């Protein structure tokens, strides 16, 4: 049985890690390289760094931050934010990333997914989906530009297209749950899991070990990502994994 992955997320703006609630009210959480090293040492299976202001500021990812952070890691490292072309993806991978996450640029030009997959392999392409519950008719809708603009696309239709175009994973964030510590959106996660054959990473709402148990059991996620509960010392990754193992969920226990 494949183990479930615990992923620590670093939302970065102006070279610093920040965290907010529902994509707003950001507060400083520390240096990305230092936090990446700390989370890796504590047992995180992967690190995701998202340059959350790059798209809104219409600039490329801060490669110096990627290089500094990558040097601290011996676990898979995903970088997203500001990746608008194959050249941008190549620069991030050359700077130390193992995978790239694309969101707004892929929505604007879905061919980008296939271009990156053809160059680096599908395993290197993560399509990040910021989902927000819309009308009863539309269900969950995709938002772009760091969660500031509705994309006019329904979540399940988009994740299916992303897989068909060569995505290797879906990073699914519930904007409604982000930073609330009220638990992952298991209904949303389960629906996306059923819609695709590639791994689904659940994000948004983690507040304790019980929420991870729920998203793995009820949401059937392949991995779960969190930020604030790790950055601010509200939960230990080691303790979290011990709780998951006790619940019968297969995880890689840290040494």
C-alpha atoms as a PDB file:
ATOM      1  CA  UNK A   1       0.000   0.000   0.000  1.00  0.00           C
ATOM      2  CA  UNK A   2       1.310   3.450  -0.921  1.00  0.00           C
ATOM      3  CA  UNK A   3       2.039   5.721   2.009  1.00  0.00           C
ATOM      4  CA  UNK A   4       0.156   8.962   2.428  1.00  0.00           C
ATOM      5  CA  UNK A   5       2.312  12.076   2.174  1.00  0.00           C
ATOM      6  CA  UNK A   6       2.466  15.032   4.543  1.00  0.00           C
ATOM      7  CA  UNK A   7       3.522  18.191   2.731  1.00  0.00           C
ATOM      8  CA  UNK A   8       4.586  21.463   4.341  1.00  0.00           C
ATOM      9  CA  UNK A   9       3.689  24.562   2.336  1.00  0.00           C
ATOM     10  CA  UNK A  10       5.638  27.816   2.256  1.00  0.00           C
ATOM     11  CA  UNK A  11       3.555  30.724   0.922  1.00  0.00           C
ATOM     12  CA  UNK A  12       6.160  33.364   0.057  1.00  0.00           C
ATOM     13  CA  UNK A  13       5.867  37.055  -0.682  1.00  0.00           C
ATOM     14  CA  UNK A  14       8.773  39.528  -0.800  1.00  0.00           C
ATOM     15  CA  UNK A  15      11.097  36.673   0.122  1.00  0.00           C
ATOM     16  CA  UNK A  16       9.333  35.842   3.395  1.00  0.00           C
ATOM     17  CA  UNK A  17       6.887  33.086   4.342  1.00  0.00           C
ATOM     18  CA  UNK A  18       3.428  34.415   5.186  1.00  0.00           C
ATOM     19  CA  UNK A  19       0.107  32.883   6.196  1.00  0.00           C
ATOM     20  CA  UNK A  20      -3.395  34.253   6.320  1.00  0.00           C
ATOM     21  CA  UNK A  21      -7.051  33.254   6.403  1.00  0.00           C
ATOM     22  CA  UNK A  22      -9.009  32.649   3.183  1.00  0.00           C
ATOM     23  CA  UNK A  23      -6.113  34.109   1.150  1.00  0.00           C
ATOM     24  CA  UNK A  24      -6.074  37.439   3.063  1.00  0.00           C
ATOM     25  CA  UNK A  25      -4.857  39.055   6.336  1.00  0.00           C
ATOM     26  CA  UNK A  26      -1.312  37.785   5.803  1.00  0.00           C
ATOM     27  CA  UNK A  27       1.210  37.675   8.638  1.00  0.00           C
ATOM     28  CA  UNK A  28       4.916  36.878   8.631  1.00  0.00           C
ATOM     29  CA  UNK A  29       5.930  33.296   9.438  1.00  0.00           C
ATOM     30  CA  UNK A  30       9.685  33.326   8.832  1.00  0.00           C
ATOM     31  CA  UNK A  31      12.492  32.670   6.369  1.00  0.00           C
ATOM     32  CA  UNK A  32      11.675  30.063   3.691  1.00  0.00           C
ATOM     33  CA  UNK A  33      15.042  28.282   3.781  1.00  0.00           C
ATOM     34  CA  UNK A  34      14.986  28.009   7.571  1.00  0.00           C
ATOM     35  CA  UNK A  35      11.404  26.756   7.666  1.00  0.00           C
ATOM     36  CA  UNK A  36      12.028  24.260   4.849  1.00  0.00           C
ATOM     37  CA  UNK A  37      14.966  22.794   6.775  1.00  0.00           C
ATOM     38  CA  UNK A  38      12.929  22.628   9.989  1.00  0.00           C
ATOM     39  CA  UNK A  39       9.943  20.920   8.368  1.00  0.00           C
ATOM     40  CA  UNK A  40      12.148  18.457   6.489  1.00  0.00           C
ATOM     41  CA  UNK A  41      14.007  17.524   9.671  1.00  0.00           C
ATOM     42  CA  UNK A  42      10.683  17.048  11.465  1.00  0.00           C
ATOM     43  CA  UNK A  43       9.518  14.436   8.947  1.00  0.00           C
ATOM     44  CA  UNK A  44       7.744  16.267   6.116  1.00  0.00           C
ATOM     45  CA  UNK A  45       7.643  14.131   2.982  1.00  0.00           C
ATOM     46  CA  UNK A  46       7.755  17.093   0.615  1.00  0.00           C
ATOM     47  CA  UNK A  47       8.006  20.880   0.593  1.00  0.00           C
ATOM     48  CA  UNK A  48       5.919  23.162  -1.620  1.00  0.00           C
ATOM     49  CA  UNK A  49       6.986  26.799  -2.060  1.00  0.00           C
ATOM     50  CA  UNK A  50       4.422  29.116  -3.634  1.00  0.00           C
ATOM     51  CA  UNK A  51       5.438  32.652  -4.600  1.00  0.00           C
ATOM     52  CA  UNK A  52       1.930  33.966  -4.031  1.00  0.00           C
ATOM     53  CA  UNK A  53       2.497  37.531  -5.250  1.00  0.00           C
ATOM     54  CA  UNK A  54       4.376  36.702  -8.470  1.00  0.00           C
ATOM     55  CA  UNK A  55       1.308  36.385 -10.694  1.00  0.00           C
ATOM     56  CA  UNK A  56      -0.403  39.525  -9.381  1.00  0.00           C
ATOM     57  CA  UNK A  57       2.848  41.484  -9.774  1.00  0.00           C
ATOM     58  CA  UNK A  58       3.403  39.997 -13.239  1.00  0.00           C
ATOM     59  CA  UNK A  59       6.937  38.859 -12.457  1.00  0.00           C
ATOM     60  CA  UNK A  60       8.893  35.614 -12.434  1.00  0.00           C
ATOM     61  CA  UNK A  61       9.448  33.462  -9.361  1.00  0.00           C
ATOM     62  CA  UNK A  62      12.204  34.712  -7.034  1.00  0.00           C
ATOM     63  CA  UNK A  63      14.940  32.269  -8.079  1.00  0.00           C
ATOM     64  CA  UNK A  64      17.331  33.268  -5.297  1.00  0.00           C
ATOM     65  CA  UNK A  65      14.719  32.158  -2.745  1.00  0.00           C
ATOM     66  CA  UNK A  66      14.293  28.869  -4.633  1.00  0.00           C
ATOM     67  CA  UNK A  67      18.059  28.265  -4.651  1.00  0.00           C
ATOM     68  CA  UNK A  68      18.469  29.035  -0.939  1.00  0.00           C
ATOM     69  CA  UNK A  69      15.541  26.821  -0.010  1.00  0.00           C
ATOM     70  CA  UNK A  70      16.488  23.952  -2.312  1.00  0.00           C
ATOM     71  CA  UNK A  71      19.956  23.747  -0.773  1.00  0.00           C
ATOM     72  CA  UNK A  72      18.343  22.845   2.551  1.00  0.00           C
ATOM     73  CA  UNK A  73      16.360  19.885   1.211  1.00  0.00           C
ATOM     74  CA  UNK A  74      16.817  16.211   0.429  1.00  0.00           C
ATOM     75  CA  UNK A  75      13.107  15.575  -0.111  1.00  0.00           C
ATOM     76  CA  UNK A  76      10.959  16.468  -3.149  1.00  0.00           C
ATOM     77  CA  UNK A  77      10.623  20.219  -3.632  1.00  0.00           C
ATOM     78  CA  UNK A  78       7.808  21.850  -5.634  1.00  0.00           C
ATOM     79  CA  UNK A  79       7.807  25.516  -6.633  1.00  0.00           C
ATOM     80  CA  UNK A  80       4.922  27.561  -8.011  1.00  0.00           C
ATOM     81  CA  UNK A  81       3.938  31.160  -8.639  1.00  0.00           C
ATOM     82  CA  UNK A  82       4.875  33.224 -11.673  1.00  0.00           C
ATOM     83  CA  UNK A  83       5.529  30.245 -13.949  1.00  0.00           C
ATOM     84  CA  UNK A  84       4.052  31.406 -17.236  1.00  0.00           C
ATOM     85  CA  UNK A  85       6.181  29.556 -19.793  1.00  0.00           C
ATOM     86  CA  UNK A  86       8.369  26.528 -20.405  1.00  0.00           C
ATOM     87  CA  UNK A  87      11.396  28.788 -19.908  1.00  0.00           C
ATOM     88  CA  UNK A  88      10.090  29.845 -16.478  1.00  0.00           C
ATOM     89  CA  UNK A  89       9.603  26.194 -15.509  1.00  0.00           C
ATOM     90  CA  UNK A  90      13.104  25.305 -16.694  1.00  0.00           C
ATOM     91  CA  UNK A  91      14.622  28.161 -14.686  1.00  0.00           C
ATOM     92  CA  UNK A  92      12.877  27.024 -11.500  1.00  0.00           C
ATOM     93  CA  UNK A  93      13.962  23.400 -11.986  1.00  0.00           C
ATOM     94  CA  UNK A  94      17.535  24.494 -12.706  1.00  0.00           C
ATOM     95  CA  UNK A  95      17.414  26.519  -9.475  1.00  0.00           C
ATOM     96  CA  UNK A  96      16.675  23.355  -7.469  1.00  0.00           C
ATOM     97  CA  UNK A  97      13.002  22.428  -7.768  1.00  0.00           C
ATOM     98  CA  UNK A  98      11.962  18.848  -8.527  1.00  0.00           C
ATOM     99  CA  UNK A  99       8.459  19.849  -9.658  1.00  0.00           C
ATOM    100  CA  UNK A 100       6.691  23.007 -10.787  1.00  0.00           C
ATOM    101  CA  UNK A 101       3.170  24.054  -9.871  1.00  0.00           C
ATOM    102  CA  UNK A 102       1.164  25.989 -12.455  1.00  0.00           C
ATOM    103  CA  UNK A 103      -2.151  27.692 -11.935  1.00  0.00           C
ATOM    104  CA  UNK A 104      -3.157  30.964 -13.612  1.00  0.00           C
ATOM    105  CA  UNK A 105      -0.916  30.529 -16.656  1.00  0.00           C
ATOM    106  CA  UNK A 106      -2.285  27.041 -17.274  1.00  0.00           C
ATOM    107  CA  UNK A 107      -5.842  28.342 -17.072  1.00  0.00           C
ATOM    108  CA  UNK A 108      -4.992  31.054 -19.581  1.00  0.00           C
ATOM    109  CA  UNK A 109      -3.118  28.657 -21.871  1.00  0.00           C
ATOM    110  CA  UNK A 110      -3.717  24.983 -21.022  1.00  0.00           C
ATOM    111  CA  UNK A 111      -1.101  23.887 -23.581  1.00  0.00           C
ATOM    112  CA  UNK A 112       1.540  24.929 -21.052  1.00  0.00           C
ATOM    113  CA  UNK A 113       0.835  21.761 -19.038  1.00  0.00           C
ATOM    114  CA  UNK A 114       1.735  19.520 -21.954  1.00  0.00           C
ATOM    115  CA  UNK A 115       4.802  21.577 -22.871  1.00  0.00           C
ATOM    116  CA  UNK A 116       6.298  21.189 -19.401  1.00  0.00           C
ATOM    117  CA  UNK A 117       5.346  17.509 -19.235  1.00  0.00           C
ATOM    118  CA  UNK A 118       6.977  16.839 -22.610  1.00  0.00           C
ATOM    119  CA  UNK A 119      10.227  18.453 -21.434  1.00  0.00           C
ATOM    120  CA  UNK A 120      10.463  17.234 -17.837  1.00  0.00           C
ATOM    121  CA  UNK A 121       7.875  14.435 -17.519  1.00  0.00           C
ATOM    122  CA  UNK A 122       4.382  14.450 -16.049  1.00  0.00           C
ATOM    123  CA  UNK A 123       5.793  13.698 -12.604  1.00  0.00           C
ATOM    124  CA  UNK A 124       7.268  17.217 -12.612  1.00  0.00           C
ATOM    125  CA  UNK A 125       3.969  18.991 -13.355  1.00  0.00           C
ATOM    126  CA  UNK A 126       1.603  19.886 -10.516  1.00  0.00           C
ATOM    127  CA  UNK A 127      -1.557  21.754 -11.455  1.00  0.00           C
ATOM    128  CA  UNK A 128      -2.647  23.921  -8.540  1.00  0.00           C
ATOM    129  CA  UNK A 129      -6.401  24.448  -8.309  1.00  0.00           C
ATOM    130  CA  UNK A 130      -7.811  27.149  -6.026  1.00  0.00           C
ATOM    131  CA  UNK A 131     -11.441  26.130  -5.525  1.00  0.00           C
ATOM    132  CA  UNK A 132     -14.287  28.141  -4.073  1.00  0.00           C
ATOM    133  CA  UNK A 133     -17.861  26.996  -3.572  1.00  0.00           C
ATOM    134  CA  UNK A 134     -20.070  28.883  -6.018  1.00  0.00           C
ATOM    135  CA  UNK A 135     -23.742  28.587  -6.864  1.00  0.00           C
ATOM    136  CA  UNK A 136     -25.658  25.336  -6.455  1.00  0.00           C
ATOM    137  CA  UNK A 137     -25.660  25.018 -10.247  1.00  0.00           C
ATOM    138  CA  UNK A 138     -21.917  25.463 -10.680  1.00  0.00           C
ATOM    139  CA  UNK A 139     -20.642  23.784  -7.529  1.00  0.00           C
ATOM    140  CA  UNK A 140     -16.960  24.505  -6.935  1.00  0.00           C
ATOM    141  CA  UNK A 141     -15.403  27.121  -9.189  1.00  0.00           C
ATOM    142  CA  UNK A 142     -11.745  27.710 -10.047  1.00  0.00           C
ATOM    143  CA  UNK A 143     -10.131  31.015  -9.082  1.00  0.00           C
ATOM    144  CA  UNK A 144      -6.886  32.427 -10.466  1.00  0.00           C
ATOM    145  CA  UNK A 145      -4.325  35.178  -9.764  1.00  0.00           C
ATOM    146  CA  UNK A 146      -3.695  34.031  -6.211  1.00  0.00           C
ATOM    147  CA  UNK A 147      -7.375  33.520  -5.522  1.00  0.00           C
ATOM    148  CA  UNK A 148      -8.421  37.023  -6.570  1.00  0.00           C
ATOM    149  CA  UNK A 149     -10.231  36.347  -9.857  1.00  0.00           C
ATOM    150  CA  UNK A 150     -12.894  33.786 -10.796  1.00  0.00           C
ATOM    151  CA  UNK A 151     -11.678  31.812 -13.806  1.00  0.00           C
ATOM    152  CA  UNK A 152     -15.151  30.941 -15.090  1.00  0.00           C
ATOM    153  CA  UNK A 153     -14.264  27.246 -14.954  1.00  0.00           C
ATOM    154  CA  UNK A 154     -15.821  24.402 -12.949  1.00  0.00           C
ATOM    155  CA  UNK A 155     -13.357  22.463 -10.803  1.00  0.00           C
ATOM    156  CA  UNK A 156     -14.128  18.901 -11.925  1.00  0.00           C
ATOM    157  CA  UNK A 157     -14.014  19.825 -15.610  1.00  0.00           C
ATOM    158  CA  UNK A 158     -10.676  21.586 -15.144  1.00  0.00           C
ATOM    159  CA  UNK A 159      -8.920  18.799 -13.218  1.00  0.00           C
ATOM    160  CA  UNK A 160      -9.974  16.284 -15.877  1.00  0.00           C
ATOM    161  CA  UNK A 161      -8.577  18.505 -18.622  1.00  0.00           C
ATOM    162  CA  UNK A 162      -5.374  19.077 -16.651  1.00  0.00           C
ATOM    163  CA  UNK A 163      -4.848  15.322 -16.352  1.00  0.00           C
ATOM    164  CA  UNK A 164      -5.544  14.810 -20.053  1.00  0.00           C
ATOM    165  CA  UNK A 165      -2.962  17.461 -20.918  1.00  0.00           C
ATOM    166  CA  UNK A 166      -0.215  15.770 -18.902  1.00  0.00           C
ATOM    167  CA  UNK A 167      -0.445  16.896 -15.263  1.00  0.00           C
ATOM    168  CA  UNK A 168       1.107  14.466 -12.801  1.00  0.00           C
ATOM    169  CA  UNK A 169      -0.657  15.728  -9.668  1.00  0.00           C
ATOM    170  CA  UNK A 170      -3.457  18.039  -8.587  1.00  0.00           C
ATOM    171  CA  UNK A 171      -2.832  20.433  -5.694  1.00  0.00           C
ATOM    172  CA  UNK A 172      -6.378  21.197  -4.569  1.00  0.00           C
ATOM    173  CA  UNK A 173      -6.897  24.146  -2.222  1.00  0.00           C
ATOM    174  CA  UNK A 174     -10.255  24.965  -0.683  1.00  0.00           C
ATOM    175  CA  UNK A 175     -10.296  28.752  -0.515  1.00  0.00           C
ATOM    176  CA  UNK A 176     -13.271  28.591   1.840  1.00  0.00           C
ATOM    177  CA  UNK A 177     -11.251  26.565   4.361  1.00  0.00           C
ATOM    178  CA  UNK A 178      -7.802  28.140   3.879  1.00  0.00           C
ATOM    179  CA  UNK A 179      -6.254  29.139   7.202  1.00  0.00           C
ATOM    180  CA  UNK A 180      -9.465  28.527   9.156  1.00  0.00           C
ATOM    181  CA  UNK A 181      -8.245  25.378  10.962  1.00  0.00           C
ATOM    182  CA  UNK A 182     -11.783  24.018  10.562  1.00  0.00           C
ATOM    183  CA  UNK A 183     -10.741  20.929   8.609  1.00  0.00           C
ATOM    184  CA  UNK A 184     -10.158  20.025   4.976  1.00  0.00           C
ATOM    185  CA  UNK A 185     -13.074  20.040   2.558  1.00  0.00           C
ATOM    186  CA  UNK A 186     -13.430  16.254   2.329  1.00  0.00           C
ATOM    187  CA  UNK A 187     -16.435  16.404   0.001  1.00  0.00           C
ATOM    188  CA  UNK A 188     -14.546  18.499  -2.544  1.00  0.00           C
ATOM    189  CA  UNK A 189     -11.426  16.335  -2.226  1.00  0.00           C
ATOM    190  CA  UNK A 190     -13.348  13.088  -2.698  1.00  0.00           C
ATOM    191  CA  UNK A 191     -15.075  14.400  -5.810  1.00  0.00           C
ATOM    192  CA  UNK A 192     -11.775  15.419  -7.384  1.00  0.00           C
ATOM    193  CA  UNK A 193     -10.225  12.081  -6.384  1.00  0.00           C
ATOM    194  CA  UNK A 194     -13.041  10.288  -8.199  1.00  0.00           C
ATOM    195  CA  UNK A 195     -12.664  12.510 -11.279  1.00  0.00           C
ATOM    196  CA  UNK A 196      -8.980  11.817 -12.003  1.00  0.00           C
ATOM    197  CA  UNK A 197      -6.462   8.980 -11.909  1.00  0.00           C
ATOM    198  CA  UNK A 198      -3.478  11.060 -10.771  1.00  0.00           C
ATOM    199  CA  UNK A 199      -2.619  11.871  -7.129  1.00  0.00           C
ATOM    200  CA  UNK A 200      -4.648  14.541  -5.361  1.00  0.00           C
ATOM    201  CA  UNK A 201      -3.050  16.749  -2.701  1.00  0.00           C
ATOM    202  CA  UNK A 202      -5.603  18.246  -0.297  1.00  0.00           C
ATOM    203  CA  UNK A 203      -4.978  21.748   1.020  1.00  0.00           C
ATOM    204  CA  UNK A 204      -6.822  24.309   3.089  1.00  0.00           C
ATOM    205  CA  UNK A 205      -8.238  24.032   6.609  1.00  0.00           C
ATOM    206  CA  UNK A 206      -5.874  21.777   8.569  1.00  0.00           C
ATOM    207  CA  UNK A 207      -6.152  22.392  12.283  1.00  0.00           C
ATOM    208  CA  UNK A 208      -5.144  19.113  13.917  1.00  0.00           C
ATOM    209  CA  UNK A 209      -4.357  15.450  13.424  1.00  0.00           C
ATOM    210  CA  UNK A 210      -8.030  14.506  13.226  1.00  0.00           C
ATOM    211  CA  UNK A 211      -8.460  16.629  10.115  1.00  0.00           C
ATOM    212  CA  UNK A 212      -5.681  14.703   8.362  1.00  0.00           C
ATOM    213  CA  UNK A 213      -7.303  11.408   9.326  1.00  0.00           C
ATOM    214  CA  UNK A 214     -10.592  12.660   7.846  1.00  0.00           C
ATOM    215  CA  UNK A 215      -9.111  13.835   4.557  1.00  0.00           C
ATOM    216  CA  UNK A 216      -7.252  10.550   4.038  1.00  0.00           C
ATOM    217  CA  UNK A 217     -10.205   8.364   5.002  1.00  0.00           C
ATOM    218  CA  UNK A 218     -13.227  10.381   3.826  1.00  0.00           C
ATOM    219  CA  UNK A 219     -11.590  12.580   1.183  1.00  0.00           C
ATOM    220  CA  UNK A 220      -9.361   9.740  -0.052  1.00  0.00           C
ATOM    221  CA  UNK A 221      -6.520  12.192  -0.658  1.00  0.00           C
ATOM    222  CA  UNK A 222      -3.117  10.877  -1.661  1.00  0.00           C
ATOM    223  CA  UNK A 223      -1.370  13.655   0.251  1.00  0.00           C
ATOM    224  CA  UNK A 224      -2.290  16.511   2.559  1.00  0.00           C
ATOM    225  CA  UNK A 225      -0.652  19.911   2.688  1.00  0.00           C
ATOM    226  CA  UNK A 226      -0.623  22.411   5.530  1.00  0.00           C
ATOM    227  CA  UNK A 227       1.138  25.602   6.470  1.00  0.00           C
ATOM    228  CA  UNK A 228       0.172  27.528   9.588  1.00  0.00           C
ATOM    229  CA  UNK A 229      -0.161  24.558  11.947  1.00  0.00           C
ATOM    230  CA  UNK A 230       3.471  23.680  11.180  1.00  0.00           C
ATOM    231  CA  UNK A 231       4.930  27.212  10.949  1.00  0.00           C
ATOM    232  CA  UNK A 232       3.572  28.398  14.281  1.00  0.00           C
ATOM    233  CA  UNK A 233       4.300  25.218  16.217  1.00  0.00           C
ATOM    234  CA  UNK A 234       0.673  24.207  16.649  1.00  0.00           C
ATOM    235  CA  UNK A 235       1.387  20.629  15.573  1.00  0.00           C
ATOM    236  CA  UNK A 236       4.450  18.417  15.281  1.00  0.00           C
ATOM    237  CA  UNK A 237       4.845  16.510  12.020  1.00  0.00           C
ATOM    238  CA  UNK A 238       6.340  13.617  13.992  1.00  0.00           C
ATOM    239  CA  UNK A 239       3.373  13.539  16.363  1.00  0.00           C
ATOM    240  CA  UNK A 240       0.962  13.928  13.454  1.00  0.00           C
ATOM    241  CA  UNK A 241       2.428  10.927  11.655  1.00  0.00           C
ATOM    242  CA  UNK A 242       2.288   8.838  14.825  1.00  0.00           C
ATOM    243  CA  UNK A 243      -1.411   9.678  15.162  1.00  0.00           C
ATOM    244  CA  UNK A 244      -2.025   8.778  11.526  1.00  0.00           C
ATOM    245  CA  UNK A 245      -0.235   5.453  11.910  1.00  0.00           C
ATOM    246  CA  UNK A 246      -2.320   4.706  15.014  1.00  0.00           C
ATOM    247  CA  UNK A 247      -5.437   5.347  12.926  1.00  0.00           C
ATOM    248  CA  UNK A 248      -4.290   2.771  10.397  1.00  0.00           C
ATOM    249  CA  UNK A 249      -3.163   5.252   7.766  1.00  0.00           C
ATOM    250  CA  UNK A 250       0.131   4.263   6.098  1.00  0.00           C
ATOM    251  CA  UNK A 251       2.781   6.976   6.475  1.00  0.00           C
ATOM    252  CA  UNK A 252       6.568   7.208   6.376  1.00  0.00           C
ATOM    253  CA  UNK A 253       7.597   7.597  10.003  1.00  0.00           C
ATOM    254  CA  UNK A 254      10.605   9.866  10.610  1.00  0.00           C
ATOM    255  CA  UNK A 255      13.757   8.312  12.063  1.00  0.00           C
END
